[in-house]
Amino acid sequence: MDISRISSMAGMNIGKVEDVSSLTGSLFTKSENVDGTVFESFLNSAIDNINTTNAYLSDAENEEIRFALGETENTHDLTIALQKASTALQYTVAVRDRLLEAYKEIMNMQI
């Protein structure tokens, strides 16, 4: 998994009211028009990470097939591909779990 993508998602900071209002709709009325670029960039990063995870899983599956068919005797490539896929999948599941926790917490808030 590309570390720069992880750090870009982890370093995302929503500190201005305008940024929050773009995520919550028109909860805060401001005269400035916010395009929602923070949410859009976060969503694009998440989609890129999911695509990367899928690519690693596909590569691992291809390496398993090549090894099972005897096309390669190099177990290092197989082990590396499996470890990359495992790590990427664990990260993706962890991010999903955190997002679901945040969603549940938001839904339980009193208005």
N, C-alpha and C. Protein backbone atom coordinates (compact mmCIF):
# COMPACT_ATOMS: atom_id res chain seq x y z
N MET A 1 0.85 -1.16 0.00
CA MET A 1 0.00 0.00 0.00
C MET A 1 0.89 1.22 0.00
N ASP A 2 0.49 2.20 -0.70
CA ASP A 2 1.25 3.43 -0.83
C ASP A 2 1.12 4.25 0.45
N ILE A 3 2.26 4.47 1.13
CA ILE A 3 2.27 5.16 2.41
C ILE A 3 1.82 6.61 2.27
N SER A 4 2.10 7.26 1.15
CA SER A 4 1.70 8.65 0.98
C SER A 4 0.19 8.81 1.02
N ARG A 5 -0.53 7.81 0.53
CA ARG A 5 -1.99 7.89 0.59
C ARG A 5 -2.49 7.77 2.03
N ILE A 6 -1.83 6.90 2.80
CA ILE A 6 -2.25 6.73 4.18
C ILE A 6 -2.00 8.02 4.95
N SER A 7 -0.83 8.60 4.79
CA SER A 7 -0.52 9.81 5.53
C SER A 7 -1.38 10.98 5.08
N SER A 8 -1.77 10.99 3.81
CA SER A 8 -2.63 12.09 3.36
C SER A 8 -4.02 11.97 3.96
N MET A 9 -4.51 10.75 4.16
CA MET A 9 -5.82 10.58 4.79
C MET A 9 -5.73 10.84 6.29
N ALA A 10 -4.63 10.40 6.92
CA ALA A 10 -4.50 10.58 8.36
C ALA A 10 -4.28 12.04 8.72
N GLY A 11 -3.64 12.79 7.84
CA GLY A 11 -3.34 14.17 8.13
C GLY A 11 -4.44 15.13 7.76
N MET A 12 -5.57 14.63 7.33
CA MET A 12 -6.66 15.50 6.92
C MET A 12 -7.23 16.20 8.15
N ASN A 13 -7.34 17.50 8.08
CA ASN A 13 -7.77 18.29 9.22
C ASN A 13 -8.93 19.17 8.80
N ILE A 14 -10.04 19.01 9.50
CA ILE A 14 -11.20 19.86 9.24
C ILE A 14 -11.30 20.82 10.40
N GLY A 15 -10.84 22.03 10.18
CA GLY A 15 -10.78 22.96 11.28
C GLY A 15 -11.65 24.18 11.09
N LYS A 16 -12.10 24.47 9.90
CA LYS A 16 -12.87 25.68 9.65
C LYS A 16 -14.35 25.35 9.60
N VAL A 17 -15.16 26.31 9.98
CA VAL A 17 -16.61 26.13 9.95
C VAL A 17 -17.09 25.90 8.53
N GLU A 18 -16.44 26.53 7.56
CA GLU A 18 -16.84 26.37 6.17
C GLU A 18 -16.65 24.92 5.73
N ASP A 19 -15.56 24.27 6.19
CA ASP A 19 -15.31 22.88 5.83
C ASP A 19 -16.37 21.98 6.44
N VAL A 20 -16.71 22.22 7.70
CA VAL A 20 -17.71 21.41 8.36
C VAL A 20 -19.07 21.60 7.70
N SER A 21 -19.37 22.82 7.32
CA SER A 21 -20.68 23.06 6.70
C SER A 21 -20.78 22.37 5.35
N SER A 22 -19.67 22.20 4.67
CA SER A 22 -19.73 21.49 3.40
C SER A 22 -20.02 20.02 3.61
N LEU A 23 -19.62 19.48 4.77
CA LEU A 23 -19.89 18.07 5.05
C LEU A 23 -21.29 17.86 5.60
N THR A 24 -21.83 18.84 6.30
CA THR A 24 -23.13 18.68 6.95
C THR A 24 -24.27 19.28 6.14
N GLY A 25 -24.02 19.75 4.98
CA GLY A 25 -25.06 20.38 4.18
C GLY A 25 -25.09 21.86 4.47
N SER A 26 -26.27 22.38 4.71
CA SER A 26 -26.39 23.82 4.97
C SER A 26 -26.71 24.06 6.43
N LEU A 27 -26.10 23.30 7.34
CA LEU A 27 -26.32 23.48 8.76
C LEU A 27 -25.85 24.86 9.20
N PHE A 28 -24.68 25.27 8.73
CA PHE A 28 -24.16 26.60 9.00
C PHE A 28 -24.35 27.42 7.74
N THR A 29 -25.08 28.50 7.85
CA THR A 29 -25.28 29.33 6.68
C THR A 29 -24.20 30.38 6.62
N LYS A 30 -23.45 30.37 5.56
CA LYS A 30 -22.39 31.35 5.32
C LYS A 30 -22.65 31.97 3.96
N SER A 31 -22.13 33.16 3.78
CA SER A 31 -22.30 33.81 2.49
C SER A 31 -21.35 33.21 1.45
N GLU A 32 -20.29 32.54 1.93
CA GLU A 32 -19.34 31.93 1.01
C GLU A 32 -19.88 30.59 0.53
N ASN A 33 -19.63 30.27 -0.72
CA ASN A 33 -20.06 28.99 -1.28
C ASN A 33 -18.89 28.01 -1.21
N VAL A 34 -19.08 26.92 -0.48
CA VAL A 34 -18.04 25.91 -0.33
C VAL A 34 -18.38 24.76 -1.25
N ASP A 35 -17.40 24.33 -2.01
CA ASP A 35 -17.63 23.29 -3.01
C ASP A 35 -17.68 21.89 -2.44
N GLY A 36 -17.27 21.69 -1.21
CA GLY A 36 -17.21 20.35 -0.65
C GLY A 36 -15.94 19.63 -1.07
N THR A 37 -14.88 20.37 -1.30
CA THR A 37 -13.65 19.76 -1.79
C THR A 37 -12.99 18.88 -0.74
N VAL A 38 -13.22 19.15 0.54
CA VAL A 38 -12.64 18.32 1.60
C VAL A 38 -13.24 16.93 1.54
N PHE A 39 -14.56 16.87 1.49
CA PHE A 39 -15.23 15.58 1.42
C PHE A 39 -14.89 14.87 0.13
N GLU A 40 -14.85 15.60 -0.95
CA GLU A 40 -14.54 15.00 -2.25
C GLU A 40 -13.14 14.40 -2.26
N SER A 41 -12.17 15.12 -1.70
CA SER A 41 -10.81 14.59 -1.66
C SER A 41 -10.72 13.38 -0.73
N PHE A 42 -11.45 13.41 0.38
CA PHE A 42 -11.47 12.26 1.28
C PHE A 42 -12.10 11.05 0.59
N LEU A 43 -13.19 11.26 -0.10
CA LEU A 43 -13.87 10.17 -0.81
C LEU A 43 -12.98 9.61 -1.91
N ASN A 44 -12.31 10.48 -2.66
CA ASN A 44 -11.40 10.01 -3.71
C ASN A 44 -10.23 9.22 -3.13
N SER A 45 -9.72 9.66 -1.99
CA SER A 45 -8.64 8.92 -1.33
C SER A 45 -9.11 7.54 -0.89
N ALA A 46 -10.31 7.48 -0.36
CA ALA A 46 -10.87 6.20 0.08
C ALA A 46 -11.07 5.26 -1.11
N ILE A 47 -11.57 5.79 -2.21
CA ILE A 47 -11.78 4.96 -3.40
C ILE A 47 -10.45 4.48 -3.96
N ASP A 48 -9.44 5.34 -3.97
CA ASP A 48 -8.11 4.94 -4.43
C ASP A 48 -7.53 3.84 -3.54
N ASN A 49 -7.73 3.96 -2.23
CA ASN A 49 -7.24 2.94 -1.32
C ASN A 49 -7.94 1.61 -1.51
N ILE A 50 -9.23 1.64 -1.78
CA ILE A 50 -9.97 0.41 -2.05
C ILE A 50 -9.49 -0.23 -3.35
N ASN A 51 -9.26 0.59 -4.36
CA ASN A 51 -8.73 0.06 -5.62
C ASN A 51 -7.34 -0.54 -5.45
N THR A 52 -6.52 0.09 -4.63
CA THR A 52 -5.18 -0.44 -4.35
C THR A 52 -5.28 -1.77 -3.61
N THR A 53 -6.19 -1.85 -2.64
CA THR A 53 -6.39 -3.10 -1.92
C THR A 53 -6.84 -4.20 -2.86
N ASN A 54 -7.77 -3.89 -3.76
CA ASN A 54 -8.22 -4.88 -4.74
C ASN A 54 -7.08 -5.33 -5.64
N ALA A 55 -6.22 -4.41 -6.02
CA ALA A 55 -5.08 -4.77 -6.88
C ALA A 55 -4.13 -5.71 -6.14
N TYR A 56 -3.86 -5.41 -4.86
CA TYR A 56 -2.99 -6.29 -4.08
C TYR A 56 -3.60 -7.68 -3.90
N LEU A 57 -4.90 -7.73 -3.66
CA LEU A 57 -5.57 -9.03 -3.53
C LEU A 57 -5.52 -9.81 -4.84
N SER A 58 -5.70 -9.13 -5.94
CA SER A 58 -5.62 -9.78 -7.24
C SER A 58 -4.21 -10.28 -7.53
N ASP A 59 -3.21 -9.47 -7.21
CA ASP A 59 -1.82 -9.89 -7.40
C ASP A 59 -1.49 -11.12 -6.56
N ALA A 60 -1.97 -11.14 -5.32
CA ALA A 60 -1.72 -12.28 -4.45
C ALA A 60 -2.38 -13.55 -5.01
N GLU A 61 -3.59 -13.40 -5.51
CA GLU A 61 -4.29 -14.54 -6.09
C GLU A 61 -3.56 -15.06 -7.33
N ASN A 62 -3.08 -14.14 -8.16
CA ASN A 62 -2.32 -14.54 -9.35
C ASN A 62 -1.03 -15.26 -8.98
N GLU A 63 -0.34 -14.77 -7.95
CA GLU A 63 0.89 -15.43 -7.49
C GLU A 63 0.59 -16.82 -6.94
N GLU A 64 -0.53 -16.96 -6.23
CA GLU A 64 -0.92 -18.29 -5.73
C GLU A 64 -1.17 -19.25 -6.87
N ILE A 65 -1.85 -18.78 -7.89
CA ILE A 65 -2.15 -19.63 -9.04
C ILE A 65 -0.87 -20.02 -9.77
N ARG A 66 0.01 -19.05 -9.97
CA ARG A 66 1.29 -19.35 -10.64
C ARG A 66 2.11 -20.36 -9.86
N PHE A 67 2.12 -20.22 -8.53
CA PHE A 67 2.87 -21.15 -7.70
C PHE A 67 2.25 -22.54 -7.73
N ALA A 68 0.90 -22.60 -7.66
CA ALA A 68 0.20 -23.89 -7.67
C ALA A 68 0.39 -24.62 -9.00
N LEU A 69 0.47 -23.88 -10.09
CA LEU A 69 0.66 -24.50 -11.41
C LEU A 69 2.11 -24.84 -11.68
N GLY A 70 3.01 -24.41 -10.83
CA GLY A 70 4.42 -24.70 -11.00
C GLY A 70 5.12 -23.77 -11.97
N GLU A 71 4.50 -22.67 -12.29
CA GLU A 71 5.12 -21.72 -13.22
C GLU A 71 6.26 -20.96 -12.56
N THR A 72 6.28 -20.90 -11.24
CA THR A 72 7.34 -20.23 -10.53
C THR A 72 7.73 -21.06 -9.31
N GLU A 73 8.98 -21.00 -8.96
CA GLU A 73 9.44 -21.69 -7.76
C GLU A 73 9.88 -20.69 -6.70
N ASN A 74 9.73 -19.42 -7.00
CA ASN A 74 10.14 -18.37 -6.09
C ASN A 74 9.04 -18.13 -5.06
N THR A 75 9.24 -18.63 -3.85
CA THR A 75 8.23 -18.46 -2.81
C THR A 75 8.25 -17.05 -2.21
N HIS A 76 9.34 -16.32 -2.44
CA HIS A 76 9.43 -14.97 -1.90
C HIS A 76 8.38 -14.04 -2.51
N ASP A 77 8.20 -14.13 -3.83
CA ASP A 77 7.19 -13.30 -4.48
C ASP A 77 5.79 -13.61 -3.95
N LEU A 78 5.53 -14.91 -3.75
CA LEU A 78 4.24 -15.32 -3.21
C LEU A 78 4.04 -14.78 -1.80
N THR A 79 5.04 -14.91 -0.97
CA THR A 79 4.95 -14.45 0.41
C THR A 79 4.78 -12.94 0.47
N ILE A 80 5.52 -12.22 -0.33
CA ILE A 80 5.41 -10.76 -0.35
C ILE A 80 4.03 -10.32 -0.83
N ALA A 81 3.53 -10.95 -1.89
CA ALA A 81 2.21 -10.60 -2.41
C ALA A 81 1.12 -10.88 -1.38
N LEU A 82 1.22 -12.01 -0.69
CA LEU A 82 0.23 -12.34 0.33
C LEU A 82 0.28 -11.37 1.50
N GLN A 83 1.49 -10.98 1.90
CA GLN A 83 1.62 -10.05 3.03
C GLN A 83 1.09 -8.66 2.67
N LYS A 84 1.38 -8.20 1.44
CA LYS A 84 0.85 -6.91 0.99
C LYS A 84 -0.67 -6.93 0.99
N ALA A 85 -1.25 -8.01 0.46
CA ALA A 85 -2.70 -8.11 0.40
C ALA A 85 -3.30 -8.15 1.80
N SER A 86 -2.69 -8.90 2.69
CA SER A 86 -3.18 -9.00 4.06
C SER A 86 -3.14 -7.65 4.78
N THR A 87 -2.02 -6.96 4.65
CA THR A 87 -1.87 -5.66 5.31
C THR A 87 -2.86 -4.64 4.75
N ALA A 88 -3.00 -4.61 3.43
CA ALA A 88 -3.94 -3.67 2.81
C ALA A 88 -5.38 -3.96 3.23
N LEU A 89 -5.72 -5.24 3.30
CA LEU A 89 -7.08 -5.60 3.69
C LEU A 89 -7.34 -5.26 5.16
N GLN A 90 -6.36 -5.50 6.02
CA GLN A 90 -6.51 -5.14 7.43
C GLN A 90 -6.69 -3.63 7.59
N TYR A 91 -5.93 -2.86 6.85
CA TYR A 91 -6.06 -1.40 6.91
C TYR A 91 -7.44 -0.96 6.43
N THR A 92 -7.89 -1.52 5.32
CA THR A 92 -9.19 -1.15 4.77
C THR A 92 -10.32 -1.49 5.74
N VAL A 93 -10.24 -2.65 6.36
CA VAL A 93 -11.26 -3.05 7.33
C VAL A 93 -11.21 -2.14 8.57
N ALA A 94 -10.02 -1.76 9.00
CA ALA A 94 -9.89 -0.87 10.16
C ALA A 94 -10.50 0.50 9.85
N VAL A 95 -10.26 1.02 8.66
CA VAL A 95 -10.83 2.31 8.28
C VAL A 95 -12.35 2.20 8.21
N ARG A 96 -12.85 1.11 7.63
CA ARG A 96 -14.29 0.91 7.55
C ARG A 96 -14.92 0.85 8.94
N ASP A 97 -14.27 0.12 9.85
CA ASP A 97 -14.80 0.01 11.20
C ASP A 97 -14.84 1.36 11.92
N ARG A 98 -13.79 2.16 11.73
CA ARG A 98 -13.76 3.50 12.34
C ARG A 98 -14.85 4.40 11.76
N LEU A 99 -15.06 4.32 10.45
CA LEU A 99 -16.12 5.12 9.84
C LEU A 99 -17.50 4.70 10.33
N LEU A 100 -17.72 3.40 10.49
CA LEU A 100 -19.00 2.93 11.00
C LEU A 100 -19.20 3.35 12.45
N GLU A 101 -18.13 3.32 13.26
CA GLU A 101 -18.22 3.80 14.64
C GLU A 101 -18.60 5.27 14.67
N ALA A 102 -17.96 6.07 13.83
CA ALA A 102 -18.25 7.50 13.78
C ALA A 102 -19.69 7.74 13.33
N TYR A 103 -20.15 6.99 12.34
CA TYR A 103 -21.51 7.13 11.85
C TYR A 103 -22.51 6.80 12.96
N LYS A 104 -22.26 5.70 13.67
CA LYS A 104 -23.17 5.31 14.76
C LYS A 104 -23.19 6.36 15.86
N GLU A 105 -22.03 6.91 16.17
CA GLU A 105 -21.96 7.94 17.20
C GLU A 105 -22.73 9.19 16.77
N ILE A 106 -22.60 9.58 15.52
CA ILE A 106 -23.33 10.73 15.01
C ILE A 106 -24.84 10.47 15.04
N MET A 107 -25.24 9.28 14.66
CA MET A 107 -26.67 8.94 14.66
C MET A 107 -27.26 8.91 16.06
N ASN A 108 -26.43 8.63 17.08
CA ASN A 108 -26.92 8.59 18.46
C ASN A 108 -26.93 9.95 19.13
N MET A 109 -26.44 10.98 18.47
CA MET A 109 -26.43 12.31 19.06
C MET A 109 -27.85 12.88 19.13
N GLN A 110 -28.10 13.59 20.22
CA GLN A 110 -29.39 14.26 20.37
C GLN A 110 -29.37 15.59 19.62
N ILE A 111 -30.46 15.89 18.98
CA ILE A 111 -30.55 17.16 18.25
C ILE A 111 -31.20 18.21 19.10
